[in-house]
PDB file of N, CA and C in Angstrom:
ATOM      1  N   MET A   1      21.368  35.904  22.037  1.00  0.00           N
ATOM      2  CA  MET A   1      19.992  35.413  22.044  1.00  0.00           C
ATOM      3  C   MET A   1      19.668  34.665  20.747  1.00  0.00           C
ATOM      4  N   ARG A   2      20.134  35.190  19.624  1.00  0.00           N
ATOM      5  CA  ARG A   2      19.869  34.570  18.324  1.00  0.00           C
ATOM      6  C   ARG A   2      20.457  33.163  18.248  1.00  0.00           C
ATOM      7  N   LEU A   3      21.657  32.978  18.835  1.00  0.00           N
ATOM      8  CA  LEU A   3      22.285  31.664  18.823  1.00  0.00           C
ATOM      9  C   LEU A   3      21.467  30.646  19.600  1.00  0.00           C
ATOM     10  N   VAL A   4      20.868  31.089  20.677  1.00  0.00           N
ATOM     11  CA  VAL A   4      20.018  30.192  21.482  1.00  0.00           C
ATOM     12  C   VAL A   4      18.811  29.761  20.662  1.00  0.00           C
ATOM     13  N   GLN A   5      18.187  30.690  19.964  1.00  0.00           N
ATOM     14  CA  GLN A   5      17.037  30.370  19.117  1.00  0.00           C
ATOM     15  C   GLN A   5      17.425  29.408  18.002  1.00  0.00           C
ATOM     16  N   GLN A   6      18.586  29.618  17.400  1.00  0.00           N
ATOM     17  CA  GLN A   6      19.049  28.723  16.333  1.00  0.00           C
ATOM     18  C   GLN A   6      19.284  27.317  16.876  1.00  0.00           C
ATOM     19  N   ARG A   7      19.879  27.230  18.057  1.00  0.00           N
ATOM     20  CA  ARG A   7      20.161  25.922  18.650  1.00  0.00           C
ATOM     21  C   ARG A   7      18.858  25.201  18.982  1.00  0.00           C
ATOM     22  N   VAL A   8      17.889  25.919  19.516  1.00  0.00           N
ATOM     23  CA  VAL A   8      16.586  25.316  19.828  1.00  0.00           C
ATOM     24  C   VAL A   8      15.928  24.818  18.551  1.00  0.00           C
ATOM     25  N   ALA A   9      15.997  25.606  17.483  1.00  0.00           N
ATOM     26  CA  ALA A   9      15.418  25.201  16.194  1.00  0.00           C
ATOM     27  C   ALA A   9      16.116  23.946  15.680  1.00  0.00           C
ATOM     28  N   GLN A  10      17.451  23.909  15.762  1.00  0.00           N
ATOM     29  CA  GLN A  10      18.193  22.735  15.307  1.00  0.00           C
ATOM     30  C   GLN A  10      17.810  21.496  16.114  1.00  0.00           C
ATOM     31  N   GLU A  11      17.671  21.655  17.416  1.00  0.00           N
ATOM     32  CA  GLU A  11      17.294  20.522  18.266  1.00  0.00           C
ATOM     33  C   GLU A  11      15.900  20.013  17.912  1.00  0.00           C
ATOM     34  N   ARG A  12      15.006  20.929  17.630  1.00  0.00           N
ATOM     35  CA  ARG A  12      13.649  20.516  17.256  1.00  0.00           C
ATOM     36  C   ARG A  12      13.655  19.758  15.930  1.00  0.00           C
ATOM     37  N   VAL A  13      14.437  20.227  14.979  1.00  0.00           N
ATOM     38  CA  VAL A  13      14.543  19.542  13.687  1.00  0.00           C
ATOM     39  C   VAL A  13      15.135  18.151  13.898  1.00  0.00           C
ATOM     40  N   GLU A  14      16.152  18.054  14.722  1.00  0.00           N
ATOM     41  CA  GLU A  14      16.752  16.748  15.023  1.00  0.00           C
ATOM     42  C   GLU A  14      15.734  15.812  15.664  1.00  0.00           C
ATOM     43  N   GLN A  15      14.883  16.356  16.538  1.00  0.00           N
ATOM     44  CA  GLN A  15      13.834  15.547  17.165  1.00  0.00           C
ATOM     45  C   GLN A  15      12.833  15.049  16.124  1.00  0.00           C
ATOM     46  N   VAL A  16      12.455  15.905  15.187  1.00  0.00           N
ATOM     47  CA  VAL A  16      11.533  15.511  14.116  1.00  0.00           C
ATOM     48  C   VAL A  16      12.133  14.353  13.328  1.00  0.00           C
ATOM     49  N   ILE A  17      13.389  14.491  12.935  1.00  0.00           N
ATOM     50  CA  ILE A  17      14.047  13.446  12.149  1.00  0.00           C
ATOM     51  C   ILE A  17      14.080  12.140  12.937  1.00  0.00           C
ATOM     52  N   PHE A  18      14.409  12.219  14.220  1.00  0.00           N
ATOM     53  CA  PHE A  18      14.428  11.029  15.072  1.00  0.00           C
ATOM     54  C   PHE A  18      13.049  10.366  15.106  1.00  0.00           C
ATOM     55  N   LEU A  19      12.003  11.174  15.312  1.00  0.00           N
ATOM     56  CA  LEU A  19      10.643  10.628  15.382  1.00  0.00           C
ATOM     57  C   LEU A  19      10.203  10.016  14.052  1.00  0.00           C
ATOM     58  N   LEU A  20      10.564  10.639  12.942  1.00  0.00           N
ATOM     59  CA  LEU A  20      10.206  10.102  11.631  1.00  0.00           C
ATOM     60  C   LEU A  20      10.886   8.756  11.399  1.00  0.00           C
ATOM     61  N   LYS A  21      12.141   8.651  11.791  1.00  0.00           N
ATOM     62  CA  LYS A  21      12.891   7.408  11.590  1.00  0.00           C
ATOM     63  C   LYS A  21      12.371   6.262  12.455  1.00  0.00           C
ATOM     64  N   GLN A  22      11.696   6.576  13.558  1.00  0.00           N
ATOM     65  CA  GLN A  22      11.201   5.552  14.459  1.00  0.00           C
ATOM     66  C   GLN A  22      10.167   4.648  13.801  1.00  0.00           C
ATOM     67  N   ASP A  23       9.339   5.221  12.949  1.00  0.00           N
ATOM     68  CA  ASP A  23       8.287   4.429  12.308  1.00  0.00           C
ATOM     69  C   ASP A  23       7.984   5.011  10.936  1.00  0.00           C
ATOM     70  N   LEU A  24       8.769   4.599   9.943  1.00  0.00           N
ATOM     71  CA  LEU A  24       8.584   5.114   8.584  1.00  0.00           C
ATOM     72  C   LEU A  24       7.237   4.705   8.001  1.00  0.00           C
ATOM     73  N   ALA A  25       6.735   3.551   8.421  1.00  0.00           N
ATOM     74  CA  ALA A  25       5.474   3.059   7.868  1.00  0.00           C
ATOM     75  C   ALA A  25       4.283   3.857   8.382  1.00  0.00           C
ATOM     76  N   GLU A  26       4.345   4.291   9.626  1.00  0.00           N
ATOM     77  CA  GLU A  26       3.244   5.066  10.213  1.00  0.00           C
ATOM     78  C   GLU A  26       3.796   6.237  11.009  1.00  0.00           C
ATOM     79  N   PRO A  27       4.366   7.213  10.328  1.00  0.00           N
ATOM     80  CA  PRO A  27       4.966   8.352  11.037  1.00  0.00           C
ATOM     81  C   PRO A  27       3.892   9.227  11.686  1.00  0.00           C
ATOM     82  N   PRO A  28       4.278   9.964  12.719  1.00  0.00           N
ATOM     83  CA  PRO A  28       3.314  10.875  13.337  1.00  0.00           C
ATOM     84  C   PRO A  28       2.900  11.972  12.367  1.00  0.00           C
ATOM     85  N   SER A  29       1.695  12.465  12.533  1.00  0.00           N
ATOM     86  CA  SER A  29       1.227  13.587  11.706  1.00  0.00           C
ATOM     87  C   SER A  29       1.982  14.845  12.106  1.00  0.00           C
ATOM     88  N   LEU A  30       1.867  15.866  11.294  1.00  0.00           N
ATOM     89  CA  LEU A  30       2.514  17.135  11.588  1.00  0.00           C
ATOM     90  C   LEU A  30       2.024  17.688  12.931  1.00  0.00           C
ATOM     91  N   GLU A  31       0.730  17.562  13.172  1.00  0.00           N
ATOM     92  CA  GLU A  31       0.166  18.037  14.435  1.00  0.00           C
ATOM     93  C   GLU A  31       0.741  17.257  15.617  1.00  0.00           C
ATOM     94  N   GLU A  32       0.865  15.930  15.457  1.00  0.00           N
ATOM     95  CA  GLU A  32       1.445  15.098  16.516  1.00  0.00           C
ATOM     96  C   GLU A  32       2.903  15.479  16.761  1.00  0.00           C
ATOM     97  N   LEU A  33       3.646  15.713  15.691  1.00  0.00           N
ATOM     98  CA  LEU A  33       5.043  16.120  15.842  1.00  0.00           C
ATOM     99  C   LEU A  33       5.136  17.417  16.642  1.00  0.00           C
ATOM    100  N   GLY A  34       4.292  18.365  16.307  1.00  0.00           N
ATOM    101  CA  GLY A  34       4.279  19.631  17.039  1.00  0.00           C
ATOM    102  C   GLY A  34       3.990  19.431  18.514  1.00  0.00           C
ATOM    103  N   ARG A  35       3.011  18.588  18.819  1.00  0.00           N
ATOM    104  CA  ARG A  35       2.671  18.302  20.225  1.00  0.00           C
ATOM    105  C   ARG A  35       3.841  17.643  20.948  1.00  0.00           C
ATOM    106  N   LYS A  36       4.448  16.656  20.300  1.00  0.00           N
ATOM    107  CA  LYS A  36       5.547  15.917  20.933  1.00  0.00           C
ATOM    108  C   LYS A  36       6.766  16.802  21.171  1.00  0.00           C
ATOM    109  N   ILE A  37       6.988  17.747  20.282  1.00  0.00           N
ATOM    110  CA  ILE A  37       8.173  18.590  20.367  1.00  0.00           C
ATOM    111  C   ILE A  37       7.904  19.864  21.157  1.00  0.00           C
ATOM    112  N   GLY A  38       6.640  20.206  21.283  1.00  0.00           N
ATOM    113  CA  GLY A  38       6.283  21.348  22.117  1.00  0.00           C
ATOM    114  C   GLY A  38       6.236  22.683  21.409  1.00  0.00           C
ATOM    115  N   CYS A  39       5.797  22.666  20.158  1.00  0.00           N
ATOM    116  CA  CYS A  39       5.612  23.920  19.437  1.00  0.00           C
ATOM    117  C   CYS A  39       4.498  23.727  18.405  1.00  0.00           C
ATOM    118  N   SER A  40       4.063  24.819  17.812  1.00  0.00           N
ATOM    119  CA  SER A  40       2.991  24.696  16.821  1.00  0.00           C
ATOM    120  C   SER A  40       3.523  24.003  15.576  1.00  0.00           C
ATOM    121  N   HIS A  41       2.631  23.287  14.908  1.00  0.00           N
ATOM    122  CA  HIS A  41       3.068  22.593  13.696  1.00  0.00           C
ATOM    123  C   HIS A  41       3.411  23.579  12.578  1.00  0.00           C
ATOM    124  N   PHE A  42       2.831  24.769  12.603  1.00  0.00           N
ATOM    125  CA  PHE A  42       3.167  25.791  11.609  1.00  0.00           C
ATOM    126  C   PHE A  42       4.627  26.232  11.788  1.00  0.00           C
ATOM    127  N   TYR A  43       4.992  26.515  13.038  1.00  0.00           N
ATOM    128  CA  TYR A  43       6.358  26.923  13.346  1.00  0.00           C
ATOM    129  C   TYR A  43       7.324  25.780  13.023  1.00  0.00           C
ATOM    130  N   LEU A  44       6.940  24.578  13.394  1.00  0.00           N
ATOM    131  CA  LEU A  44       7.783  23.410  13.151  1.00  0.00           C
ATOM    132  C   LEU A  44       8.048  23.241  11.649  1.00  0.00           C
ATOM    133  N   SER A  45       7.023  23.382  10.844  1.00  0.00           N
ATOM    134  CA  SER A  45       7.191  23.280   9.386  1.00  0.00           C
ATOM    135  C   SER A  45       8.165  24.330   8.871  1.00  0.00           C
ATOM    136  N   ARG A  46       8.022  25.531   9.377  1.00  0.00           N
ATOM    137  CA  ARG A  46       8.861  26.634   8.922  1.00  0.00           C
ATOM    138  C   ARG A  46      10.326  26.409   9.285  1.00  0.00           C
ATOM    139  N   ILE A  47      10.590  26.022  10.548  1.00  0.00           N
ATOM    140  CA  ILE A  47      11.990  25.853  10.935  1.00  0.00           C
ATOM    141  C   ILE A  47      12.597  24.608  10.281  1.00  0.00           C
ATOM    142  N   PHE A  48      11.781  23.575  10.065  1.00  0.00           N
ATOM    143  CA  PHE A  48      12.285  22.367   9.411  1.00  0.00           C
ATOM    144  C   PHE A  48      12.738  22.689   7.993  1.00  0.00           C
ATOM    145  N   SER A  49      11.917  23.405   7.270  1.00  0.00           N
ATOM    146  CA  SER A  49      12.260  23.786   5.894  1.00  0.00           C
ATOM    147  C   SER A  49      13.490  24.690   5.862  1.00  0.00           C
ATOM    148  N   ALA A  50      13.575  25.610   6.819  1.00  0.00           N
ATOM    149  CA  ALA A  50      14.720  26.517   6.872  1.00  0.00           C
ATOM    150  C   ALA A  50      16.015  25.756   7.164  1.00  0.00           C
ATOM    151  N   GLU A  51      15.933  24.756   8.033  1.00  0.00           N
ATOM    152  CA  GLU A  51      17.128  23.998   8.433  1.00  0.00           C
ATOM    153  C   GLU A  51      17.554  22.970   7.387  1.00  0.00           C
ATOM    154  N   THR A  52      16.586  22.322   6.732  1.00  0.00           N
ATOM    155  CA  THR A  52      16.912  21.201   5.843  1.00  0.00           C
ATOM    156  C   THR A  52      16.779  21.528   4.363  1.00  0.00           C
ATOM    157  N   GLY A  53      16.049  22.570   4.033  1.00  0.00           N
ATOM    158  CA  GLY A  53      15.794  22.887   2.635  1.00  0.00           C
ATOM    159  C   GLY A  53      14.697  22.021   2.028  1.00  0.00           C
ATOM    160  N   GLN A  54      14.024  21.243   2.873  1.00  0.00           N
ATOM    161  CA  GLN A  54      12.936  20.374   2.422  1.00  0.00           C
ATOM    162  C   GLN A  54      11.770  20.487   3.399  1.00  0.00           C
ATOM    163  N   THR A  55      10.573  20.211   2.885  1.00  0.00           N
ATOM    164  CA  THR A  55       9.436  20.112   3.794  1.00  0.00           C
ATOM    165  C   THR A  55       9.551  18.795   4.566  1.00  0.00           C
ATOM    166  N   ILE A  56       8.787  18.672   5.618  1.00  0.00           N
ATOM    167  CA  ILE A  56       8.795  17.431   6.390  1.00  0.00           C
ATOM    168  C   ILE A  56       8.343  16.267   5.508  1.00  0.00           C
ATOM    169  N   THR A  57       7.358  16.488   4.669  1.00  0.00           N
ATOM    170  CA  THR A  57       6.862  15.443   3.766  1.00  0.00           C
ATOM    171  C   THR A  57       7.935  15.013   2.775  1.00  0.00           C
ATOM    172  N   GLN A  58       8.644  15.970   2.202  1.00  0.00           N
ATOM    173  CA  GLN A  58       9.728  15.643   1.268  1.00  0.00           C
ATOM    174  C   GLN A  58      10.834  14.862   1.975  1.00  0.00           C
ATOM    175  N   TYR A  59      11.151  15.276   3.183  1.00  0.00           N
ATOM    176  CA  TYR A  59      12.199  14.598   3.944  1.00  0.00           C
ATOM    177  C   TYR A  59      11.778  13.170   4.284  1.00  0.00           C
ATOM    178  N   LEU A  60      10.513  13.004   4.681  1.00  0.00           N
ATOM    179  CA  LEU A  60       9.992  11.670   4.985  1.00  0.00           C
ATOM    180  C   LEU A  60      10.057  10.778   3.751  1.00  0.00           C
ATOM    181  N   ARG A  61       9.693  11.297   2.587  1.00  0.00           N
ATOM    182  CA  ARG A  61       9.751  10.516   1.353  1.00  0.00           C
ATOM    183  C   ARG A  61      11.190  10.058   1.091  1.00  0.00           C
ATOM    184  N   ARG A  62      12.147  10.963   1.292  1.00  0.00           N
ATOM    185  CA  ARG A  62      13.547  10.610   1.081  1.00  0.00           C
ATOM    186  C   ARG A  62      14.000   9.524   2.054  1.00  0.00           C
ATOM    187  N   LEU A  63      13.621   9.652   3.319  1.00  0.00           N
ATOM    188  CA  LEU A  63      13.966   8.620   4.309  1.00  0.00           C
ATOM    189  C   LEU A  63      13.382   7.268   3.903  1.00  0.00           C
ATOM    190  N   ARG A  64      12.128   7.288   3.462  1.00  0.00           N
ATOM    191  CA  ARG A  64      11.468   6.044   3.049  1.00  0.00           C
ATOM    192  C   ARG A  64      12.181   5.411   1.857  1.00  0.00           C
ATOM    193  N   MET A  65      12.558   6.233   0.879  1.00  0.00           N
ATOM    194  CA  MET A  65      13.224   5.706  -0.314  1.00  0.00           C
ATOM    195  C   MET A  65      14.606   5.166   0.026  1.00  0.00           C
ATOM    196  N   GLU A  66      15.319   5.857   0.901  1.00  0.00           N
ATOM    197  CA  GLU A  66      16.636   5.371   1.315  1.00  0.00           C
ATOM    198  C   GLU A  66      16.510   4.020   2.021  1.00  0.00           C
ATOM    199  N   LYS A  67      15.529   3.905   2.901  1.00  0.00           N
ATOM    200  CA  LYS A  67      15.316   2.645   3.621  1.00  0.00           C
ATOM    201  C   LYS A  67      14.884   1.543   2.652  1.00  0.00           C
ATOM    202  N   ALA A  68      13.991   1.860   1.727  1.00  0.00           N
ATOM    203  CA  ALA A  68      13.528   0.869   0.747  1.00  0.00           C
ATOM    204  C   ALA A  68      14.686   0.395  -0.117  1.00  0.00           C
ATOM    205  N   ALA A  69      15.542   1.311  -0.548  1.00  0.00           N
ATOM    206  CA  ALA A  69      16.695   0.936  -1.368  1.00  0.00           C
ATOM    207  C   ALA A  69      17.617   0.012  -0.577  1.00  0.00           C
ATOM    208  N   GLN A  70      17.800   0.310   0.688  1.00  0.00           N
ATOM    209  CA  GLN A  70      18.621  -0.534   1.554  1.00  0.00           C
ATOM    210  C   GLN A  70      18.019  -1.939   1.669  1.00  0.00           C
ATOM    211  N   LEU A  71      16.707  -2.007   1.852  1.00  0.00           N
ATOM    212  CA  LEU A  71      16.028  -3.305   1.966  1.00  0.00           C
ATOM    213  C   LEU A  71      16.146  -4.104   0.666  1.00  0.00           C
ATOM    214  N   LEU A  72      15.989  -3.418  -0.454  1.00  0.00           N
ATOM    215  CA  LEU A  72      16.077  -4.098  -1.746  1.00  0.00           C
ATOM    216  C   LEU A  72      17.502  -4.594  -2.009  1.00  0.00           C
ATOM    217  N   ARG A  73      18.486  -3.772  -1.653  1.00  0.00           N
ATOM    218  CA  ARG A  73      19.885  -4.183  -1.840  1.00  0.00           C
ATOM    219  C   ARG A  73      20.240  -5.402  -0.991  1.00  0.00           C
ATOM    220  N   SER A  74      19.577  -5.533   0.162  1.00  0.00           N
ATOM    221  CA  SER A  74      19.876  -6.656   1.054  1.00  0.00           C
ATOM    222  C   SER A  74      19.484  -7.989   0.425  1.00  0.00           C
ATOM    223  N   GLY A  75      18.549  -7.938  -0.535  1.00  0.00           N
ATOM    224  CA  GLY A  75      18.087  -9.154  -1.188  1.00  0.00           C
ATOM    225  C   GLY A  75      17.053  -9.912  -0.370  1.00  0.00           C
ATOM    226  N   GLU A  76      16.725  -9.409   0.805  1.00  0.00           N
ATOM    227  CA  GLU A  76      15.763 -10.089   1.672  1.00  0.00           C
ATOM    228  C   GLU A  76      14.319  -9.642   1.429  1.00  0.00           C
ATOM    229  N   TYR A  77      14.150  -8.571   0.670  1.00  0.00           N
ATOM    230  CA  TYR A  77      12.821  -8.028   0.406  1.00  0.00           C
ATOM    231  C   TYR A  77      12.625  -7.882  -1.091  1.00  0.00           C
ATOM    232  N   ASN A  78      11.411  -8.184  -1.552  1.00  0.00           N
ATOM    233  CA  ASN A  78      11.071  -7.850  -2.931  1.00  0.00           C
ATOM    234  C   ASN A  78      10.472  -6.445  -2.929  1.00  0.00           C
ATOM    235  N   VAL A  79      10.120  -5.933  -4.077  1.00  0.00           N
ATOM    236  CA  VAL A  79       9.631  -4.554  -4.176  1.00  0.00           C
ATOM    237  C   VAL A  79       8.372  -4.343  -3.340  1.00  0.00           C
ATOM    238  N   THR A  80       7.433  -5.274  -3.408  1.00  0.00           N
ATOM    239  CA  THR A  80       6.183  -5.141  -2.651  1.00  0.00           C
ATOM    240  C   THR A  80       6.466  -5.124  -1.153  1.00  0.00           C
ATOM    241  N   GLU A  81       7.315  -6.018  -0.697  1.00  0.00           N
ATOM    242  CA  GLU A  81       7.634  -6.083   0.737  1.00  0.00           C
ATOM    243  C   GLU A  81       8.344  -4.814   1.206  1.00  0.00           C
ATOM    244  N   ALA A  82       9.279  -4.329   0.403  1.00  0.00           N
ATOM    245  CA  ALA A  82       9.998  -3.098   0.748  1.00  0.00           C
ATOM    246  C   ALA A  82       9.022  -1.919   0.805  1.00  0.00           C
ATOM    247  N   ALA A  83       8.120  -1.852  -0.161  1.00  0.00           N
ATOM    248  CA  ALA A  83       7.125  -0.774  -0.187  1.00  0.00           C
ATOM    249  C   ALA A  83       6.275  -0.791   1.078  1.00  0.00           C
ATOM    250  N   LEU A  84       5.783  -1.950   1.455  1.00  0.00           N
ATOM    251  CA  LEU A  84       4.960  -2.064   2.663  1.00  0.00           C
ATOM    252  C   LEU A  84       5.759  -1.722   3.918  1.00  0.00           C
ATOM    253  N   GLU A  85       6.990  -2.133   3.954  1.00  0.00           N
ATOM    254  CA  GLU A  85       7.855  -1.911   5.126  1.00  0.00           C
ATOM    255  C   GLU A  85       8.066  -0.420   5.407  1.00  0.00           C
ATOM    256  N   VAL A  86       8.104   0.389   4.355  1.00  0.00           N
ATOM    257  CA  VAL A  86       8.345   1.824   4.543  1.00  0.00           C
ATOM    258  C   VAL A  86       7.076   2.673   4.454  1.00  0.00           C
ATOM    259  N   GLY A  87       5.921   2.020   4.392  1.00  0.00           N
ATOM    260  CA  GLY A  87       4.674   2.762   4.513  1.00  0.00           C
ATOM    261  C   GLY A  87       3.881   3.018   3.249  1.00  0.00           C
ATOM    262  N   TYR A  88       4.228   2.372   2.154  1.00  0.00           N
ATOM    263  CA  TYR A  88       3.427   2.516   0.933  1.00  0.00           C
ATOM    264  C   TYR A  88       2.469   1.341   0.843  1.00  0.00           C
ATOM    265  N   ALA A  89       1.186   1.651   0.723  1.00  0.00           N
ATOM    266  CA  ALA A  89       0.156   0.610   0.719  1.00  0.00           C
ATOM    267  C   ALA A  89       0.132  -0.180  -0.586  1.00  0.00           C
ATOM    268  N   SER A  90       0.597   0.438  -1.668  1.00  0.00           N
ATOM    269  CA  SER A  90       0.563  -0.275  -2.943  1.00  0.00           C
ATOM    270  C   SER A  90       1.896  -0.125  -3.666  1.00  0.00           C
ATOM    271  N   PRO A  91       2.320  -1.179  -4.323  1.00  0.00           N
ATOM    272  CA  PRO A  91       3.569  -1.100  -5.096  1.00  0.00           C
ATOM    273  C   PRO A  91       3.531  -0.028  -6.180  1.00  0.00           C
ATOM    274  N   SER A  92       2.344   0.226  -6.746  1.00  0.00           N
ATOM    275  CA  SER A  92       2.266   1.241  -7.813  1.00  0.00           C
ATOM    276  C   SER A  92       2.535   2.639  -7.245  1.00  0.00           C
ATOM    277  N   HIS A  93       1.996   2.942  -6.072  1.00  0.00           N
ATOM    278  CA  HIS A  93       2.256   4.230  -5.438  1.00  0.00           C
ATOM    279  C   HIS A  93       3.742   4.358  -5.095  1.00  0.00           C
ATOM    280  N   PHE A  94       4.307   3.279  -4.603  1.00  0.00           N
ATOM    281  CA  PHE A  94       5.735   3.237  -4.294  1.00  0.00           C
ATOM    282  C   PHE A  94       6.563   3.482  -5.559  1.00  0.00           C
ATOM    283  N   SER A  95       6.206   2.807  -6.639  1.00  0.00           N
ATOM    284  CA  SER A  95       6.936   2.952  -7.901  1.00  0.00           C
ATOM    285  C   SER A  95       6.886   4.381  -8.422  1.00  0.00           C
ATOM    286  N   GLN A  96       5.754   5.054  -8.205  1.00  0.00           N
ATOM    287  CA  GLN A  96       5.641   6.446  -8.628  1.00  0.00           C
ATOM    288  C   GLN A  96       6.528   7.347  -7.773  1.00  0.00           C
ATOM    289  N   ALA A  97       6.594   7.067  -6.475  1.00  0.00           N
ATOM    290  CA  ALA A  97       7.368   7.898  -5.553  1.00  0.00           C
ATOM    291  C   ALA A  97       8.869   7.672  -5.689  1.00  0.00           C
ATOM    292  N   PHE A  98       9.265   6.457  -6.029  1.00  0.00           N
ATOM    293  CA  PHE A  98      10.683   6.096  -6.063  1.00  0.00           C
ATOM    294  C   PHE A  98      11.512   6.979  -6.989  1.00  0.00           C
ATOM    295  N   PRO A  99      11.075   7.218  -8.246  1.00  0.00           N
ATOM    296  CA  PRO A  99      11.889   8.057  -9.125  1.00  0.00           C
ATOM    297  C   PRO A  99      11.958   9.512  -8.664  1.00  0.00           C
ATOM    298  N   GLU A 100      10.968   9.968  -7.876  1.00  0.00           N
ATOM    299  CA  GLU A 100      10.943  11.362  -7.427  1.00  0.00           C
ATOM    300  C   GLU A 100      11.959  11.613  -6.321  1.00  0.00           C
ATOM    301  N   ALA A 101      12.358  10.567  -5.635  1.00  0.00           N
ATOM    302  CA  ALA A 101      13.251  10.740  -4.480  1.00  0.00           C
ATOM    303  C   ALA A 101      14.681  11.004  -4.900  1.00  0.00           C
TER     304      ALA A 101
END
């Protein structure tokens, strides 16, 4: 029984990651994620942290920074464009978040 619960938790975490990657600029809220996945957002937060070692917000920040770094390396985006592409409204907010990732 425990293995089934672990597998369900892993699948839910994988679904969260998939949904976050779909739209880094405007990701679903925690409540929306819970609705889409079919569990409470409190439970979802708990299993996500247990599975990944990060909160959903921390994981989203990391995904955004990885994508922004990729965009900047491509040479097709400047810092402002990369920031907007991954959901930061201002370059200064992006610059503050970048070193934390």
